[in-house]
Amino acid sequence: QVQLVESGGGLVQPGGSLRLSCAASGIIDSNYVLGWYCQAPGKQRELVADITSGGSINYADSVKGRFTISRDNAKNTVYLQMNSLKPEDTAVYYCNAKRRIFAYWGQGTQVTVSS
């Protein structure tokens, strides 16, 4: 059984930081690309960043220079360090594991950026 367990969301003021973590278990291994997506109210889910086991990374243009994704292959865990947060970063953030036609999702963690 595949499980993606996220943690680290919450309420933060503009300019603040949060770190999200996602621990993957089950059939998830280093062949999977791990990543983070976000979904704001009334909007489609979209890619924030993803990373391969070899360290190849993609970032959405909106987070480049502010967010950093990293991965611990031994622990099957992916992290998202979010700095200089903006109100428009407010969304539910979902952990994702994908390989070929297979994709798995975490339950989501709320990130709210507000003063």
PDB file of N, CA and C in Angstrom:
ATOM      1  N   GLN A   1       0.850  -1.190   0.000  1.00  0.00           N
ATOM      2  CA  GLN A   1       0.000   0.000   0.000  1.00  0.00           C
ATOM      3  C   GLN A   1       0.884   1.237   0.000  1.00  0.00           C
ATOM      4  N   VAL A   2       0.596   2.137  -0.930  1.00  0.00           N
ATOM      5  CA  VAL A   2       1.372   3.365  -1.037  1.00  0.00           C
ATOM      6  C   VAL A   2       0.824   4.408  -0.080  1.00  0.00           C
ATOM      7  N   GLN A   3       1.739   5.039   0.638  1.00  0.00           N
ATOM      8  CA  GLN A   3       1.351   6.149   1.514  1.00  0.00           C
ATOM      9  C   GLN A   3       2.304   7.311   1.318  1.00  0.00           C
ATOM     10  N   LEU A   4       1.740   8.490   1.217  1.00  0.00           N
ATOM     11  CA  LEU A   4       2.509   9.728   1.190  1.00  0.00           C
ATOM     12  C   LEU A   4       1.975  10.570   2.333  1.00  0.00           C
ATOM     13  N   VAL A   5       2.793  10.797   3.338  1.00  0.00           N
ATOM     14  CA  VAL A   5       2.352  11.493   4.538  1.00  0.00           C
ATOM     15  C   VAL A   5       3.056  12.831   4.627  1.00  0.00           C
ATOM     16  N   GLU A   6       2.265  13.891   4.523  1.00  0.00           N
ATOM     17  CA  GLU A   6       2.811  15.252   4.526  1.00  0.00           C
ATOM     18  C   GLU A   6       2.738  15.854   5.918  1.00  0.00           C
ATOM     19  N   SER A   7       3.634  16.796   6.150  1.00  0.00           N
ATOM     20  CA  SER A   7       3.603  17.563   7.391  1.00  0.00           C
ATOM     21  C   SER A   7       4.269  18.910   7.149  1.00  0.00           C
ATOM     22  N   GLY A   8       3.990  19.865   8.037  1.00  0.00           N
ATOM     23  CA  GLY A   8       4.704  21.135   7.991  1.00  0.00           C
ATOM     24  C   GLY A   8       3.911  22.332   7.539  1.00  0.00           C
ATOM     25  N   GLY A   9       2.659  22.165   7.140  1.00  0.00           N
ATOM     26  CA  GLY A   9       1.867  23.314   6.733  1.00  0.00           C
ATOM     27  C   GLY A   9       1.475  24.173   7.925  1.00  0.00           C
ATOM     28  N   GLY A  10       0.814  25.293   7.625  1.00  0.00           N
ATOM     29  CA  GLY A  10       0.363  26.157   8.706  1.00  0.00           C
ATOM     30  C   GLY A  10       0.131  27.572   8.250  1.00  0.00           C
ATOM     31  N   LEU A  11      -0.002  28.448   9.234  1.00  0.00           N
ATOM     32  CA  LEU A  11      -0.230  29.867   8.987  1.00  0.00           C
ATOM     33  C   LEU A  11       1.080  30.628   9.198  1.00  0.00           C
ATOM     34  N   VAL A  12       1.416  31.481   8.251  1.00  0.00           N
ATOM     35  CA  VAL A  12       2.654  32.250   8.347  1.00  0.00           C
ATOM     36  C   VAL A  12       2.403  33.643   7.778  1.00  0.00           C
ATOM     37  N   GLN A  13       3.126  34.608   8.294  1.00  0.00           N
ATOM     38  CA  GLN A  13       3.003  35.971   7.792  1.00  0.00           C
ATOM     39  C   GLN A  13       3.761  36.135   6.471  1.00  0.00           C
ATOM     40  N   PRO A  14       3.353  37.094   5.663  1.00  0.00           N
ATOM     41  CA  PRO A  14       4.113  37.363   4.425  1.00  0.00           C
ATOM     42  C   PRO A  14       5.584  37.612   4.734  1.00  0.00           C
ATOM     43  N   GLY A  15       6.437  37.025   3.896  1.00  0.00           N
ATOM     44  CA  GLY A  15       7.869  37.109   4.116  1.00  0.00           C
ATOM     45  C   GLY A  15       8.428  36.004   4.975  1.00  0.00           C
ATOM     46  N   GLY A  16       7.561  35.219   5.569  1.00  0.00           N
ATOM     47  CA  GLY A  16       7.997  34.138   6.441  1.00  0.00           C
ATOM     48  C   GLY A  16       8.378  32.878   5.682  1.00  0.00           C
ATOM     49  N   SER A  17       8.684  31.839   6.453  1.00  0.00           N
ATOM     50  CA  SER A  17       9.149  30.577   5.874  1.00  0.00           C
ATOM     51  C   SER A  17       8.397  29.398   6.476  1.00  0.00           C
ATOM     52  N   LEU A  18       8.287  28.363   5.696  1.00  0.00           N
ATOM     53  CA  LEU A  18       7.759  27.078   6.150  1.00  0.00           C
ATOM     54  C   LEU A  18       8.547  25.975   5.458  1.00  0.00           C
ATOM     55  N   ARG A  19       8.599  24.827   6.112  1.00  0.00           N
ATOM     56  CA  ARG A  19       9.227  23.660   5.496  1.00  0.00           C
ATOM     57  C   ARG A  19       8.234  22.517   5.501  1.00  0.00           C
ATOM     58  N   LEU A  20       7.924  22.010   4.323  1.00  0.00           N
ATOM     59  CA  LEU A  20       7.042  20.857   4.182  1.00  0.00           C
ATOM     60  C   LEU A  20       7.878  19.588   4.036  1.00  0.00           C
ATOM     61  N   SER A  21       7.353  18.514   4.604  1.00  0.00           N
ATOM     62  CA  SER A  21       7.991  17.207   4.479  1.00  0.00           C
ATOM     63  C   SER A  21       6.965  16.201   3.986  1.00  0.00           C
ATOM     64  N   CYS A  22       7.432  15.211   3.250  1.00  0.00           N
ATOM     65  CA  CYS A  22       6.557  14.141   2.772  1.00  0.00           C
ATOM     66  C   CYS A  22       7.328  12.830   2.818  1.00  0.00           C
ATOM     67  N   ALA A  23       6.849  11.926   3.630  1.00  0.00           N
ATOM     68  CA  ALA A  23       7.463  10.603   3.743  1.00  0.00           C
ATOM     69  C   ALA A  23       6.670   9.611   2.908  1.00  0.00           C
ATOM     70  N   ALA A  24       7.350   8.944   2.002  1.00  0.00           N
ATOM     71  CA  ALA A  24       6.707   7.987   1.100  1.00  0.00           C
ATOM     72  C   ALA A  24       7.007   6.564   1.549  1.00  0.00           C
ATOM     73  N   SER A  25       6.007   5.711   1.483  1.00  0.00           N
ATOM     74  CA  SER A  25       6.200   4.307   1.834  1.00  0.00           C
ATOM     75  C   SER A  25       5.408   3.440   0.869  1.00  0.00           C
ATOM     76  N   GLY A  26       5.661   2.128   0.931  1.00  0.00           N
ATOM     77  CA  GLY A  26       5.019   1.216   0.006  1.00  0.00           C
ATOM     78  C   GLY A  26       5.949   0.933  -1.161  1.00  0.00           C
ATOM     79  N   ILE A  27       5.431   1.006  -2.367  1.00  0.00           N
ATOM     80  CA  ILE A  27       6.233   0.655  -3.535  1.00  0.00           C
ATOM     81  C   ILE A  27       7.073   1.813  -4.039  1.00  0.00           C
ATOM     82  N   ILE A  28       6.970   2.955  -3.397  1.00  0.00           N
ATOM     83  CA  ILE A  28       7.731   4.120  -3.839  1.00  0.00           C
ATOM     84  C   ILE A  28       9.210   3.871  -3.607  1.00  0.00           C
ATOM     85  N   ASP A  29      10.000   4.019  -4.678  1.00  0.00           N
ATOM     86  CA  ASP A  29      11.443   3.849  -4.546  1.00  0.00           C
ATOM     87  C   ASP A  29      12.147   4.937  -5.347  1.00  0.00           C
ATOM     88  N   SER A  30      13.419   4.803  -5.559  1.00  0.00           N
ATOM     89  CA  SER A  30      14.198   5.858  -6.206  1.00  0.00           C
ATOM     90  C   SER A  30      13.842   6.035  -7.682  1.00  0.00           C
ATOM     91  N   ASN A  31      13.070   5.135  -8.245  1.00  0.00           N
ATOM     92  CA  ASN A  31      12.650   5.295  -9.641  1.00  0.00           C
ATOM     93  C   ASN A  31      11.532   6.327  -9.805  1.00  0.00           C
ATOM     94  N   TYR A  32      10.965   6.721  -8.696  1.00  0.00           N
ATOM     95  CA  TYR A  32       9.857   7.668  -8.739  1.00  0.00           C
ATOM     96  C   TYR A  32      10.366   9.102  -8.669  1.00  0.00           C
ATOM     97  N   VAL A  33       9.725   9.963  -9.426  1.00  0.00           N
ATOM     98  CA  VAL A  33       9.927  11.401  -9.278  1.00  0.00           C
ATOM     99  C   VAL A  33       9.038  11.859  -8.125  1.00  0.00           C
ATOM    100  N   LEU A  34       9.588  12.577  -7.177  1.00  0.00           N
ATOM    101  CA  LEU A  34       8.825  13.106  -6.054  1.00  0.00           C
ATOM    102  C   LEU A  34       8.647  14.608  -6.220  1.00  0.00           C
ATOM    103  N   GLY A  35       7.503  15.093  -5.834  1.00  0.00           N
ATOM    104  CA  GLY A  35       7.289  16.521  -6.026  1.00  0.00           C
ATOM    105  C   GLY A  35       6.172  17.077  -5.194  1.00  0.00           C
ATOM    106  N   TRP A  36       5.952  18.377  -5.377  1.00  0.00           N
ATOM    107  CA  TRP A  36       4.899  19.105  -4.677  1.00  0.00           C
ATOM    108  C   TRP A  36       4.044  19.853  -5.695  1.00  0.00           C
ATOM    109  N   TYR A  37       2.744  19.779  -5.491  1.00  0.00           N
ATOM    110  CA  TYR A  37       1.776  20.533  -6.265  1.00  0.00           C
ATOM    111  C   TYR A  37       0.974  21.391  -5.285  1.00  0.00           C
ATOM    112  N   CYS A  38       0.348  22.443  -5.803  1.00  0.00           N
ATOM    113  CA  CYS A  38      -0.514  23.245  -4.950  1.00  0.00           C
ATOM    114  C   CYS A  38      -1.835  23.502  -5.666  1.00  0.00           C
ATOM    115  N   GLN A  39      -2.864  23.694  -4.860  1.00  0.00           N
ATOM    116  CA  GLN A  39      -4.189  24.006  -5.395  1.00  0.00           C
ATOM    117  C   GLN A  39      -4.829  25.076  -4.535  1.00  0.00           C
ATOM    118  N   ALA A  40      -5.035  26.236  -5.126  1.00  0.00           N
ATOM    119  CA  ALA A  40      -5.721  27.333  -4.447  1.00  0.00           C
ATOM    120  C   ALA A  40      -7.214  27.225  -4.731  1.00  0.00           C
ATOM    121  N   PRO A  41      -8.042  27.814  -3.885  1.00  0.00           N
ATOM    122  CA  PRO A  41      -9.496  27.747  -4.101  1.00  0.00           C
ATOM    123  C   PRO A  41      -9.884  28.253  -5.488  1.00  0.00           C
ATOM    124  N   GLY A  42     -10.675  27.459  -6.198  1.00  0.00           N
ATOM    125  CA  GLY A  42     -11.145  27.849  -7.510  1.00  0.00           C
ATOM    126  C   GLY A  42     -10.139  27.695  -8.626  1.00  0.00           C
ATOM    127  N   LYS A  43      -8.976  27.129  -8.312  1.00  0.00           N
ATOM    128  CA  LYS A  43      -7.939  26.973  -9.332  1.00  0.00           C
ATOM    129  C   LYS A  43      -7.567  25.502  -9.502  1.00  0.00           C
ATOM    130  N   GLN A  44      -6.908  25.213 -10.611  1.00  0.00           N
ATOM    131  CA  GLN A  44      -6.459  23.845 -10.853  1.00  0.00           C
ATOM    132  C   GLN A  44      -5.190  23.556 -10.045  1.00  0.00           C
ATOM    133  N   ARG A  45      -4.991  22.286  -9.780  1.00  0.00           N
ATOM    134  CA  ARG A  45      -3.760  21.865  -9.125  1.00  0.00           C
ATOM    135  C   ARG A  45      -2.601  22.067 -10.096  1.00  0.00           C
ATOM    136  N   GLU A  46      -1.505  22.603  -9.593  1.00  0.00           N
ATOM    137  CA  GLU A  46      -0.377  22.870 -10.470  1.00  0.00           C
ATOM    138  C   GLU A  46       0.945  22.509  -9.807  1.00  0.00           C
ATOM    139  N   LEU A  47       1.921  22.233 -10.629  1.00  0.00           N
ATOM    140  CA  LEU A  47       3.232  21.837 -10.142  1.00  0.00           C
ATOM    141  C   LEU A  47       3.925  23.011  -9.458  1.00  0.00           C
ATOM    142  N   VAL A  48       4.493  22.727  -8.295  1.00  0.00           N
ATOM    143  CA  VAL A  48       5.357  23.684  -7.610  1.00  0.00           C
ATOM    144  C   VAL A  48       6.816  23.338  -7.910  1.00  0.00           C
ATOM    145  N   ALA A  49       7.169  22.086  -7.661  1.00  0.00           N
ATOM    146  CA  ALA A  49       8.535  21.628  -7.924  1.00  0.00           C
ATOM    147  C   ALA A  49       8.557  20.113  -7.862  1.00  0.00           C
ATOM    148  N   ASP A  50       9.467  19.514  -8.630  1.00  0.00           N
ATOM    149  CA  ASP A  50       9.684  18.082  -8.491  1.00  0.00           C
ATOM    150  C   ASP A  50      11.162  17.765  -8.647  1.00  0.00           C
ATOM    151  N   ILE A  51      11.521  16.547  -8.220  1.00  0.00           N
ATOM    152  CA  ILE A  51      12.936  16.167  -8.182  1.00  0.00           C
ATOM    153  C   ILE A  51      13.077  14.679  -8.424  1.00  0.00           C
ATOM    154  N   THR A  52      14.044  14.312  -9.241  1.00  0.00           N
ATOM    155  CA  THR A  52      14.342  12.906  -9.463  1.00  0.00           C
ATOM    156  C   THR A  52      15.331  12.424  -8.406  1.00  0.00           C
ATOM    157  N   SER A  53      15.535  11.115  -8.348  1.00  0.00           N
ATOM    158  CA  SER A  53      16.497  10.571  -7.389  1.00  0.00           C
ATOM    159  C   SER A  53      17.915  11.016  -7.719  1.00  0.00           C
ATOM    160  N   GLY A  54      18.155  11.361  -8.985  1.00  0.00           N
ATOM    161  CA  GLY A  54      19.465  11.842  -9.401  1.00  0.00           C
ATOM    162  C   GLY A  54      19.687  13.323  -9.161  1.00  0.00           C
ATOM    163  N   GLY A  55      18.634  14.019  -8.709  1.00  0.00           N
ATOM    164  CA  GLY A  55      18.772  15.427  -8.364  1.00  0.00           C
ATOM    165  C   GLY A  55      18.337  16.408  -9.435  1.00  0.00           C
ATOM    166  N   SER A  56      17.736  15.936 -10.521  1.00  0.00           N
ATOM    167  CA  SER A  56      17.199  16.857 -11.523  1.00  0.00           C
ATOM    168  C   SER A  56      15.930  17.508 -10.975  1.00  0.00           C
ATOM    169  N   ILE A  57      15.841  18.813 -11.103  1.00  0.00           N
ATOM    170  CA  ILE A  57      14.767  19.576 -10.460  1.00  0.00           C
ATOM    171  C   ILE A  57      14.035  20.459 -11.467  1.00  0.00           C
ATOM    172  N   ASN A  58      12.730  20.540 -11.290  1.00  0.00           N
ATOM    173  CA  ASN A  58      11.899  21.512 -12.003  1.00  0.00           C
ATOM    174  C   ASN A  58      11.207  22.394 -10.976  1.00  0.00           C
ATOM    175  N   TYR A  59      11.159  23.683 -11.250  1.00  0.00           N
ATOM    176  CA  TYR A  59      10.418  24.627 -10.420  1.00  0.00           C
ATOM    177  C   TYR A  59       9.413  25.386 -11.280  1.00  0.00           C
ATOM    178  N   ALA A  60       8.272  25.693 -10.693  1.00  0.00           N
ATOM    179  CA  ALA A  60       7.372  26.654 -11.312  1.00  0.00           C
ATOM    180  C   ALA A  60       8.046  28.018 -11.301  1.00  0.00           C
ATOM    181  N   ASP A  61       7.812  28.806 -12.339  1.00  0.00           N
ATOM    182  CA  ASP A  61       8.449  30.133 -12.421  1.00  0.00           C
ATOM    183  C   ASP A  61       8.123  30.987 -11.205  1.00  0.00           C
ATOM    184  N   SER A  62       6.933  30.821 -10.668  1.00  0.00           N
ATOM    185  CA  SER A  62       6.475  31.675  -9.573  1.00  0.00           C
ATOM    186  C   SER A  62       7.228  31.438  -8.263  1.00  0.00           C
ATOM    187  N   VAL A  63       7.934  30.312  -8.147  1.00  0.00           N
ATOM    188  CA  VAL A  63       8.627  30.005  -6.886  1.00  0.00           C
ATOM    189  C   VAL A  63      10.135  29.986  -7.015  1.00  0.00           C
ATOM    190  N   LYS A  64      10.635  30.154  -8.222  1.00  0.00           N
ATOM    191  CA  LYS A  64      12.090  30.127  -8.431  1.00  0.00           C
ATOM    192  C   LYS A  64      12.764  31.209  -7.593  1.00  0.00           C
ATOM    193  N   GLY A  65      13.817  30.816  -6.895  1.00  0.00           N
ATOM    194  CA  GLY A  65      14.544  31.740  -6.045  1.00  0.00           C
ATOM    195  C   GLY A  65      13.980  31.860  -4.644  1.00  0.00           C
ATOM    196  N   ARG A  66      12.792  31.302  -4.416  1.00  0.00           N
ATOM    197  CA  ARG A  66      12.168  31.378  -3.082  1.00  0.00           C
ATOM    198  C   ARG A  66      12.003  30.014  -2.445  1.00  0.00           C
ATOM    199  N   PHE A  67      11.678  29.015  -3.240  1.00  0.00           N
ATOM    200  CA  PHE A  67      11.447  27.654  -2.749  1.00  0.00           C
ATOM    201  C   PHE A  67      12.601  26.756  -3.154  1.00  0.00           C
ATOM    202  N   THR A  68      12.887  25.782  -2.289  1.00  0.00           N
ATOM    203  CA  THR A  68      13.921  24.797  -2.579  1.00  0.00           C
ATOM    204  C   THR A  68      13.385  23.409  -2.282  1.00  0.00           C
ATOM    205  N   ILE A  69      13.442  22.539  -3.277  1.00  0.00           N
ATOM    206  CA  ILE A  69      13.026  21.152  -3.080  1.00  0.00           C
ATOM    207  C   ILE A  69      14.272  20.304  -2.871  1.00  0.00           C
ATOM    208  N   SER A  70      14.141  19.317  -1.998  1.00  0.00           N
ATOM    209  CA  SER A  70      15.253  18.392  -1.773  1.00  0.00           C
ATOM    210  C   SER A  70      14.681  17.018  -1.468  1.00  0.00           C
ATOM    211  N   ARG A  71      15.572  16.050  -1.492  1.00  0.00           N
ATOM    212  CA  ARG A  71      15.103  14.665  -1.375  1.00  0.00           C
ATOM    213  C   ARG A  71      16.150  13.836  -0.641  1.00  0.00           C
ATOM    214  N   ASP A  72      15.675  12.989   0.253  1.00  0.00           N
ATOM    215  CA  ASP A  72      16.522  12.018   0.939  1.00  0.00           C
ATOM    216  C   ASP A  72      16.130  10.643   0.423  1.00  0.00           C
ATOM    217  N   ASN A  73      16.929  10.101  -0.482  1.00  0.00           N
ATOM    218  CA  ASN A  73      16.570   8.822  -1.106  1.00  0.00           C
ATOM    219  C   ASN A  73      16.555   7.671  -0.102  1.00  0.00           C
ATOM    220  N   ALA A  74      17.428   7.721   0.875  1.00  0.00           N
ATOM    221  CA  ALA A  74      17.476   6.647   1.863  1.00  0.00           C
ATOM    222  C   ALA A  74      16.198   6.596   2.693  1.00  0.00           C
ATOM    223  N   LYS A  75      15.600   7.763   2.910  1.00  0.00           N
ATOM    224  CA  LYS A  75      14.382   7.829   3.722  1.00  0.00           C
ATOM    225  C   LYS A  75      13.122   7.926   2.868  1.00  0.00           C
ATOM    226  N   ASN A  76      13.273   7.961   1.544  1.00  0.00           N
ATOM    227  CA  ASN A  76      12.116   8.153   0.655  1.00  0.00           C
ATOM    228  C   ASN A  76      11.295   9.361   1.088  1.00  0.00           C
ATOM    229  N   THR A  77      11.989  10.440   1.362  1.00  0.00           N
ATOM    230  CA  THR A  77      11.342  11.649   1.856  1.00  0.00           C
ATOM    231  C   THR A  77      11.716  12.829   0.957  1.00  0.00           C
ATOM    232  N   VAL A  78      10.726  13.680   0.713  1.00  0.00           N
ATOM    233  CA  VAL A  78      10.949  14.887  -0.071  1.00  0.00           C
ATOM    234  C   VAL A  78      10.558  16.095   0.778  1.00  0.00           C
ATOM    235  N   TYR A  79      11.313  17.166   0.632  1.00  0.00           N
ATOM    236  CA  TYR A  79      11.108  18.375   1.414  1.00  0.00           C
ATOM    237  C   TYR A  79      10.876  19.568   0.479  1.00  0.00           C
ATOM    238  N   LEU A  80      10.161  20.538   1.006  1.00  0.00           N
ATOM    239  CA  LEU A  80      10.003  21.795   0.287  1.00  0.00           C
ATOM    240  C   LEU A  80      10.238  22.932   1.274  1.00  0.00           C
ATOM    241  N   GLN A  81      11.369  23.607   1.111  1.00  0.00           N
ATOM    242  CA  GLN A  81      11.660  24.776   1.921  1.00  0.00           C
ATOM    243  C   GLN A  81      11.094  25.994   1.208  1.00  0.00           C
ATOM    244  N   MET A  82      10.186  26.677   1.886  1.00  0.00           N
ATOM    245  CA  MET A  82       9.502  27.819   1.283  1.00  0.00           C
ATOM    246  C   MET A  82       9.896  29.082   2.036  1.00  0.00           C
ATOM    247  N   ASN A  83      10.586  29.972   1.360  1.00  0.00           N
ATOM    248  CA  ASN A  83      11.015  31.238   1.938  1.00  0.00           C
ATOM    249  C   ASN A  83      10.324  32.394   1.237  1.00  0.00           C
ATOM    250  N   SER A  84      10.384  33.552   1.858  1.00  0.00           N
ATOM    251  CA  SER A  84       9.789  34.768   1.281  1.00  0.00           C
ATOM    252  C   SER A  84       8.363  34.516   0.804  1.00  0.00           C
ATOM    253  N   LEU A  85       7.588  33.888   1.666  1.00  0.00           N
ATOM    254  CA  LEU A  85       6.223  33.519   1.282  1.00  0.00           C
ATOM    255  C   LEU A  85       5.356  34.743   1.026  1.00  0.00           C
ATOM    256  N   LYS A  86       4.457  34.590   0.056  1.00  0.00           N
ATOM    257  CA  LYS A  86       3.549  35.648  -0.353  1.00  0.00           C
ATOM    258  C   LYS A  86       2.106  35.184  -0.145  1.00  0.00           C
ATOM    259  N   PRO A  87       1.183  36.114   0.012  1.00  0.00           N
ATOM    260  CA  PRO A  87      -0.233  35.713   0.145  1.00  0.00           C
ATOM    261  C   PRO A  87      -0.703  34.829  -1.012  1.00  0.00           C
ATOM    262  N   GLU A  88      -0.188  35.052  -2.196  1.00  0.00           N
ATOM    263  CA  GLU A  88      -0.603  34.237  -3.340  1.00  0.00           C
ATOM    264  C   GLU A  88      -0.061  32.814  -3.297  1.00  0.00           C
ATOM    265  N   ASP A  89       0.809  32.505  -2.346  1.00  0.00           N
ATOM    266  CA  ASP A  89       1.264  31.125  -2.140  1.00  0.00           C
ATOM    267  C   ASP A  89       0.241  30.314  -1.329  1.00  0.00           C
ATOM    268  N   THR A  90      -0.768  30.979  -0.812  1.00  0.00           N
ATOM    269  CA  THR A  90      -1.793  30.291  -0.030  1.00  0.00           C
ATOM    270  C   THR A  90      -2.491  29.232  -0.876  1.00  0.00           C
ATOM    271  N   ALA A  91      -2.471  27.993  -0.381  1.00  0.00           N
ATOM    272  CA  ALA A  91      -3.043  26.866  -1.129  1.00  0.00           C
ATOM    273  C   ALA A  91      -2.926  25.606  -0.281  1.00  0.00           C
ATOM    274  N   VAL A  92      -3.563  24.553  -0.752  1.00  0.00           N
ATOM    275  CA  VAL A  92      -3.295  23.226  -0.218  1.00  0.00           C
ATOM    276  C   VAL A  92      -2.142  22.648  -1.035  1.00  0.00           C
ATOM    277  N   TYR A  93      -1.123  22.169  -0.343  1.00  0.00           N
ATOM    278  CA  TYR A  93       0.050  21.612  -0.995  1.00  0.00           C
ATOM    279  C   TYR A  93      -0.005  20.091  -0.897  1.00  0.00           C
ATOM    280  N   TYR A  94       0.153  19.440  -2.051  1.00  0.00           N
ATOM    281  CA  TYR A  94       0.057  17.995  -2.143  1.00  0.00           C
ATOM    282  C   TYR A  94       1.407  17.395  -2.538  1.00  0.00           C
ATOM    283  N   CYS A  95       1.782  16.364  -1.847  1.00  0.00           N
ATOM    284  CA  CYS A  95       2.951  15.581  -2.226  1.00  0.00           C
ATOM    285  C   CYS A  95       2.550  14.616  -3.343  1.00  0.00           C
ATOM    286  N   ASN A  96       3.465  14.380  -4.269  1.00  0.00           N
ATOM    287  CA  ASN A  96       3.178  13.528  -5.420  1.00  0.00           C
ATOM    288  C   ASN A  96       4.368  12.621  -5.701  1.00  0.00           C
ATOM    289  N   ALA A  97       4.065  11.384  -6.056  1.00  0.00           N
ATOM    290  CA  ALA A  97       5.081  10.445  -6.519  1.00  0.00           C
ATOM    291  C   ALA A  97       4.625   9.911  -7.864  1.00  0.00           C
ATOM    292  N   LYS A  98       5.491   9.972  -8.851  1.00  0.00           N
ATOM    293  CA  LYS A  98       5.070   9.541 -10.191  1.00  0.00           C
ATOM    294  C   LYS A  98       6.198   8.780 -10.880  1.00  0.00           C
ATOM    295  N   ARG A  99       5.741   7.800 -11.670  1.00  0.00           N
ATOM    296  CA  ARG A  99       6.659   7.002 -12.483  1.00  0.00           C
ATOM    297  C   ARG A  99       5.851   6.456 -13.649  1.00  0.00           C
ATOM    298  N   ARG A 100       6.251   6.824 -14.837  1.00  0.00           N
ATOM    299  CA  ARG A 100       5.542   6.407 -16.057  1.00  0.00           C
ATOM    300  C   ARG A 100       4.064   6.770 -15.924  1.00  0.00           C
ATOM    301  N   ILE A 101       3.168   5.789 -15.987  1.00  0.00           N
ATOM    302  CA  ILE A 101       1.735   6.092 -15.958  1.00  0.00           C
ATOM    303  C   ILE A 101       1.185   6.115 -14.534  1.00  0.00           C
ATOM    304  N   PHE A 102       2.029   5.853 -13.546  1.00  0.00           N
ATOM    305  CA  PHE A 102       1.566   5.757 -12.168  1.00  0.00           C
ATOM    306  C   PHE A 102       1.793   7.071 -11.432  1.00  0.00           C
ATOM    307  N   ALA A 103       0.811   7.472 -10.650  1.00  0.00           N
ATOM    308  CA  ALA A 103       0.928   8.679  -9.844  1.00  0.00           C
ATOM    309  C   ALA A 103       0.163   8.491  -8.546  1.00  0.00           C
ATOM    310  N   TYR A 104       0.774   8.937  -7.458  1.00  0.00           N
ATOM    311  CA  TYR A 104       0.171   8.821  -6.135  1.00  0.00           C
ATOM    312  C   TYR A 104       0.204  10.186  -5.468  1.00  0.00           C
ATOM    313  N   TRP A 105      -0.804  10.419  -4.603  1.00  0.00           N
ATOM    314  CA  TRP A 105      -0.946  11.717  -3.954  1.00  0.00           C
ATOM    315  C   TRP A 105      -1.048  11.580  -2.453  1.00  0.00           C
ATOM    316  N   GLY A 106      -0.516  12.575  -1.752  1.00  0.00           N
ATOM    317  CA  GLY A 106      -0.755  12.691  -0.323  1.00  0.00           C
ATOM    318  C   GLY A 106      -2.103  13.340  -0.074  1.00  0.00           C
ATOM    319  N   GLN A 107      -2.432  13.491   1.205  1.00  0.00           N
ATOM    320  CA  GLN A 107      -3.741  14.015   1.564  1.00  0.00           C
ATOM    321  C   GLN A 107      -3.803  15.535   1.497  1.00  0.00           C
ATOM    322  N   GLY A 108      -2.649  16.167   1.413  1.00  0.00           N
ATOM    323  CA  GLY A 108      -2.595  17.619   1.316  1.00  0.00           C
ATOM    324  C   GLY A 108      -2.375  18.279   2.663  1.00  0.00           C
ATOM    325  N   THR A 109      -1.675  19.398   2.635  1.00  0.00           N
ATOM    326  CA  THR A 109      -1.453  20.187   3.840  1.00  0.00           C
ATOM    327  C   THR A 109      -1.685  21.663   3.495  1.00  0.00           C
ATOM    328  N   GLN A 110      -2.424  22.342   4.350  1.00  0.00           N
ATOM    329  CA  GLN A 110      -2.798  23.728   4.082  1.00  0.00           C
ATOM    330  C   GLN A 110      -1.647  24.672   4.431  1.00  0.00           C
ATOM    331  N   VAL A 111      -1.357  25.563   3.506  1.00  0.00           N
ATOM    332  CA  VAL A 111      -0.407  26.653   3.747  1.00  0.00           C
ATOM    333  C   VAL A 111      -1.170  27.958   3.556  1.00  0.00           C
ATOM    334  N   THR A 112      -1.189  28.777   4.600  1.00  0.00           N
ATOM    335  CA  THR A 112      -1.876  30.061   4.547  1.00  0.00           C
ATOM    336  C   THR A 112      -0.886  31.165   4.867  1.00  0.00           C
ATOM    337  N   VAL A 113      -0.775  32.114   3.952  1.00  0.00           N
ATOM    338  CA  VAL A 113       0.129  33.245   4.131  1.00  0.00           C
ATOM    339  C   VAL A 113      -0.721  34.499   4.305  1.00  0.00           C
ATOM    340  N   SER A 114      -0.718  35.012   5.509  1.00  0.00           N
ATOM    341  CA  SER A 114      -1.595  36.146   5.822  1.00  0.00           C
ATOM    342  C   SER A 114      -1.063  36.896   7.023  1.00  0.00           C
ATOM    343  N   SER A 115      -1.295  38.201   7.012  1.00  0.00           N
ATOM    344  CA  SER A 115      -0.924  39.013   8.173  1.00  0.00           C
ATOM    345  C   SER A 115      -2.097  39.144   9.131  1.00  0.00           C
TER     346      SER A 115
END
